[in-house]
Amino acid sequence: MSLAHFPGGADSPPHANSITKVTVPALSEMKRQGKPISALTAYDFPTSRLADEAGIDLLLVGDSLAMVVLGHENTLAVTVEEMLHHTRAVRRAARRALVVADMPFGSYHGSVAEGLANAIRFVKEAGAEAVKIEGVRIELVHALTEAEIPVIGHLGLTPQSIHRMGGYRVQARTAETVLQLRADALALANAGAGAIVLEGIPREVAAAITAELPIRRLV
């Protein structure tokens, strides 16, 4: 199928106009029903187009763009403008998948007002349908939710904290840190996060937290 083919065009198959858009509430319903949810990272139009046509449910424009596309050593160097540019490209191709924009380092680490303003840019200027932030930032999650911006949380190994963590290390390896991770995940869920990325933690811990949360865990 050509990458220039869009649903609704003259050569569209009969079912092309009946695409059901994936939303954050739809993800919660899929979890409730026990349906698997697929997620991939995309940085550009052709990748997004192929993934969307394959039926992927969620496309993350990850700040890993810094390393994978731009050649940096870690995720910290990528800018808001660069992330906006690539989010626009991904969103142009996505018809069904939920498009989530990773907010880069520094774009939400100051005041809540600054984080909210940058998140609004991702929705308004780039077409993102949700934003992802790392760490336990409850006030910001509340503010984004009140502004009608769906939020994806990210706990465990958070790449923007590489210097504090001393590298890419497995997290939640002691009883104390597991309990803290559980509390953080519940706090994000109660604040309004629609899903949570649990990265770099033991699978048993991820499974236990997932079973307890009313929202979806992404790995």
Protein backbone atom coordinates (compact mmCIF):
# COMPACT_ATOMS: atom_id res chain seq x y z
CA MET A 1 0.00 0.00 0.00
CA SER A 2 1.35 3.41 -0.92
CA LEU A 3 2.22 5.77 1.90
CA ALA A 4 0.26 8.41 0.01
CA HIS A 5 -2.96 6.42 0.42
CA PHE A 6 -5.37 7.88 2.97
CA PRO A 7 -8.73 6.58 4.18
CA GLY A 8 -11.55 8.39 2.45
CA GLY A 9 -9.73 8.80 -0.86
CA ALA A 10 -11.04 7.68 -4.21
CA ASP A 11 -9.25 4.34 -3.95
CA SER A 12 -10.20 3.63 -0.34
CA PRO A 13 -11.71 0.23 0.46
CA PRO A 14 -15.36 0.23 1.62
CA HIS A 15 -14.43 -0.04 5.30
CA ALA A 16 -11.87 2.78 5.27
CA ASN A 17 -14.29 5.44 6.49
CA SER A 18 -15.33 3.38 9.53
CA ILE A 19 -12.05 3.68 11.42
CA THR A 20 -12.60 3.98 15.17
CA LYS A 21 -10.16 6.43 16.74
CA VAL A 22 -8.26 5.18 19.78
CA THR A 23 -8.59 7.48 22.79
CA VAL A 24 -7.38 7.38 26.39
CA PRO A 25 -10.85 6.31 27.65
CA ALA A 26 -10.82 3.60 24.98
CA LEU A 27 -7.54 2.26 26.41
CA SER A 28 -9.12 2.02 29.87
CA GLU A 29 -12.07 0.14 28.42
CA MET A 30 -9.74 -2.24 26.59
CA LYS A 31 -7.97 -2.96 29.88
CA ARG A 32 -11.31 -3.56 31.61
CA GLN A 33 -12.25 -6.05 28.91
CA GLY A 34 -8.86 -7.75 29.00
CA LYS A 35 -8.03 -6.78 25.42
CA PRO A 36 -4.33 -6.44 24.51
CA ILE A 37 -3.06 -2.95 23.70
CA SER A 38 -0.26 -2.41 21.21
CA ALA A 39 2.16 0.54 21.40
CA LEU A 40 5.14 1.59 19.30
CA THR A 41 7.49 4.54 19.09
CA ALA A 42 7.43 6.62 15.91
CA TYR A 43 9.45 9.67 14.90
CA ASP A 44 8.33 10.36 11.33
CA PHE A 45 5.48 10.22 8.81
CA PRO A 46 6.27 6.91 7.04
CA THR A 47 6.82 4.96 10.27
CA SER A 48 3.63 6.38 11.72
CA ARG A 49 1.70 5.58 8.57
CA LEU A 50 2.81 1.96 8.45
CA ALA A 51 2.17 1.42 12.16
CA ASP A 52 -1.24 3.05 11.98
CA GLU A 53 -2.30 0.96 8.99
CA ALA A 54 -1.09 -2.16 10.83
CA GLY A 55 -3.54 -1.41 13.65
CA ILE A 56 -1.18 -0.21 16.38
CA ASP A 57 -3.23 1.38 19.15
CA LEU A 58 -0.76 3.94 20.53
CA LEU A 59 2.13 5.80 18.91
CA LEU A 60 4.63 7.53 21.17
CA VAL A 61 6.79 10.29 19.76
CA GLY A 62 9.56 9.52 22.20
CA ASP A 63 12.31 11.81 23.40
CA SER A 64 14.57 8.89 22.43
CA LEU A 65 14.47 10.85 19.19
CA ALA A 66 17.54 12.55 20.64
CA MET A 67 19.60 9.37 20.33
CA VAL A 68 17.87 7.38 17.58
CA VAL A 69 17.49 10.20 15.05
CA LEU A 70 19.67 13.11 16.17
CA GLY A 71 22.72 11.21 17.42
CA HIS A 72 22.93 12.49 20.99
CA GLU A 73 24.28 10.35 23.84
CA ASN A 74 21.06 10.52 25.88
CA THR A 75 17.58 12.03 25.80
CA LEU A 76 18.43 15.27 27.60
CA ALA A 77 19.51 17.35 24.61
CA VAL A 78 16.34 17.20 22.49
CA THR A 79 14.37 20.46 22.47
CA VAL A 80 10.70 21.34 22.55
CA GLU A 81 10.89 22.63 18.98
CA GLU A 82 12.45 19.38 17.74
CA MET A 83 9.81 17.30 19.53
CA LEU A 84 7.03 19.50 18.12
CA HIS A 85 8.44 19.06 14.60
CA HIS A 86 8.43 15.26 14.81
CA THR A 87 5.08 15.08 16.60
CA ARG A 88 3.52 16.99 13.72
CA ALA A 89 4.94 14.48 11.23
CA VAL A 90 3.65 11.49 13.19
CA ARG A 91 0.22 13.04 13.73
CA ARG A 92 -0.23 13.78 10.02
CA ALA A 93 -0.07 10.07 9.27
CA ALA A 94 -2.03 8.67 12.20
CA ARG A 95 -5.74 8.14 11.58
CA ARG A 96 -6.56 5.49 14.19
CA ALA A 97 -3.72 5.36 16.72
CA LEU A 98 -3.55 7.58 19.78
CA VAL A 99 -0.59 9.95 19.34
CA VAL A 100 1.34 10.67 22.54
CA ALA A 101 4.09 13.30 22.69
CA ASP A 102 7.00 12.86 25.07
CA MET A 103 7.66 16.15 26.83
CA PRO A 104 11.44 16.67 26.74
CA PHE A 105 13.75 17.39 29.64
CA GLY A 106 13.36 20.95 30.88
CA SER A 107 9.91 21.50 29.39
CA TYR A 108 8.05 20.66 32.63
CA HIS A 109 10.74 20.70 35.32
CA GLY A 110 10.10 24.30 36.37
CA SER A 111 6.75 25.70 37.43
CA VAL A 112 3.44 23.96 36.85
CA ALA A 113 2.41 26.92 34.69
CA GLU A 114 5.44 26.44 32.45
CA GLY A 115 4.77 22.72 32.10
CA LEU A 116 1.13 23.37 31.26
CA ALA A 117 2.06 25.98 28.66
CA ASN A 118 4.43 23.58 26.92
CA ALA A 119 1.89 20.75 27.00
CA ILE A 120 -0.68 23.04 25.40
CA ARG A 121 1.78 23.65 22.56
CA PHE A 122 2.04 19.92 21.89
CA VAL A 123 -1.75 19.65 21.65
CA LYS A 124 -2.45 22.92 19.85
CA GLU A 125 0.53 23.18 17.50
CA ALA A 126 1.48 19.53 16.90
CA GLY A 127 -1.83 17.70 17.26
CA ALA A 128 -0.78 15.45 20.14
CA GLU A 129 -3.68 13.65 21.81
CA ALA A 130 -1.83 13.08 25.08
CA VAL A 131 1.52 14.00 26.62
CA LYS A 132 3.94 11.85 28.60
CA ILE A 133 5.91 13.10 31.58
CA GLU A 134 8.43 11.33 33.81
CA GLY A 135 8.35 11.13 37.58
CA VAL A 136 5.80 11.86 40.29
CA ARG A 137 4.55 15.33 39.41
CA ILE A 138 1.10 15.26 40.93
CA GLU A 139 0.36 19.00 40.74
CA LEU A 140 1.27 19.04 37.05
CA VAL A 141 -0.88 15.99 36.32
CA HIS A 142 -3.79 17.70 38.06
CA ALA A 143 -3.24 20.89 36.03
CA LEU A 144 -3.00 19.03 32.73
CA THR A 145 -6.11 17.00 33.48
CA GLU A 146 -8.05 20.14 34.39
CA ALA A 147 -6.90 21.65 31.07
CA GLU A 148 -8.38 18.62 29.22
CA ILE A 149 -4.95 17.25 28.27
CA PRO A 150 -4.64 13.46 28.76
CA VAL A 151 -1.47 12.48 30.64
CA ILE A 152 0.69 9.35 30.44
CA GLY A 153 2.93 8.85 33.46
CA HIS A 154 6.39 7.23 33.45
CA LEU A 155 7.95 5.55 36.49
CA GLY A 156 10.82 3.18 37.23
CA LEU A 157 13.79 3.77 34.99
CA THR A 158 13.21 7.34 33.83
CA PRO A 159 15.85 8.25 31.20
CA GLN A 160 15.64 11.98 31.94
CA SER A 161 16.97 11.14 35.43
CA ILE A 162 20.05 9.36 34.07
CA HIS A 163 22.51 11.51 36.00
CA ARG A 164 20.70 11.07 39.32
CA MET A 165 20.31 7.32 38.78
CA GLY A 166 23.92 6.88 37.69
CA GLY A 167 23.02 5.34 34.34
CA TYR A 168 20.36 3.06 32.92
CA ARG A 169 19.86 0.78 35.92
CA VAL A 170 17.05 -1.58 36.88
CA GLN A 171 14.81 0.06 39.50
CA ALA A 172 12.57 -1.25 42.31
CA ARG A 173 14.91 -4.03 43.40
CA THR A 174 14.23 -3.80 47.15
CA ALA A 175 11.02 -4.11 49.18
CA GLU A 176 11.23 -0.44 50.15
CA THR A 177 11.60 0.83 46.59
CA VAL A 178 8.82 -1.48 45.37
CA LEU A 179 6.45 -0.01 47.94
CA GLN A 180 7.45 3.50 46.92
CA LEU A 181 6.91 2.71 43.25
CA ARG A 182 3.47 1.30 44.04
CA ALA A 183 2.56 4.43 46.00
CA ASP A 184 3.82 6.67 43.20
CA ALA A 185 1.81 4.77 40.59
CA LEU A 186 -1.36 5.00 42.66
CA ALA A 187 -0.78 8.71 43.21
CA LEU A 188 -0.44 9.32 39.46
CA ALA A 189 -3.57 7.30 38.77
CA ASN A 190 -5.55 9.21 41.40
CA ALA A 191 -4.28 12.51 39.98
CA GLY A 192 -5.75 11.66 36.59
CA ALA A 193 -3.03 9.92 34.57
CA GLY A 194 -4.60 7.80 31.84
CA ALA A 195 -1.77 5.26 31.60
CA ILE A 196 1.66 4.67 33.08
CA VAL A 197 4.92 3.50 31.53
CA LEU A 198 6.75 1.19 33.94
CA GLU A 199 10.28 0.92 32.61
CA GLY A 200 13.25 -1.06 33.81
CA ILE A 201 11.63 -2.85 36.77
CA PRO A 202 11.19 -6.56 37.56
CA ARG A 203 8.29 -8.07 35.63
CA GLU A 204 6.70 -9.41 38.82
CA VAL A 205 6.57 -5.89 40.26
CA ALA A 206 5.10 -4.51 37.05
CA ALA A 207 2.44 -7.23 36.98
CA ALA A 208 1.43 -6.63 40.61
CA ILE A 209 1.12 -2.86 40.13
CA THR A 210 -0.76 -3.31 36.87
CA ALA A 211 -3.31 -5.58 38.52
CA GLU A 212 -3.96 -3.00 41.22
CA LEU A 213 -4.16 0.13 39.09
CA PRO A 214 -7.47 1.17 37.54
CA ILE A 215 -5.55 2.40 34.48
CA ARG A 216 -3.32 0.87 31.85
CA ARG A 217 0.36 0.04 32.29
CA LEU A 218 2.61 0.35 29.22
CA VAL A 219 5.99 -1.38 28.94
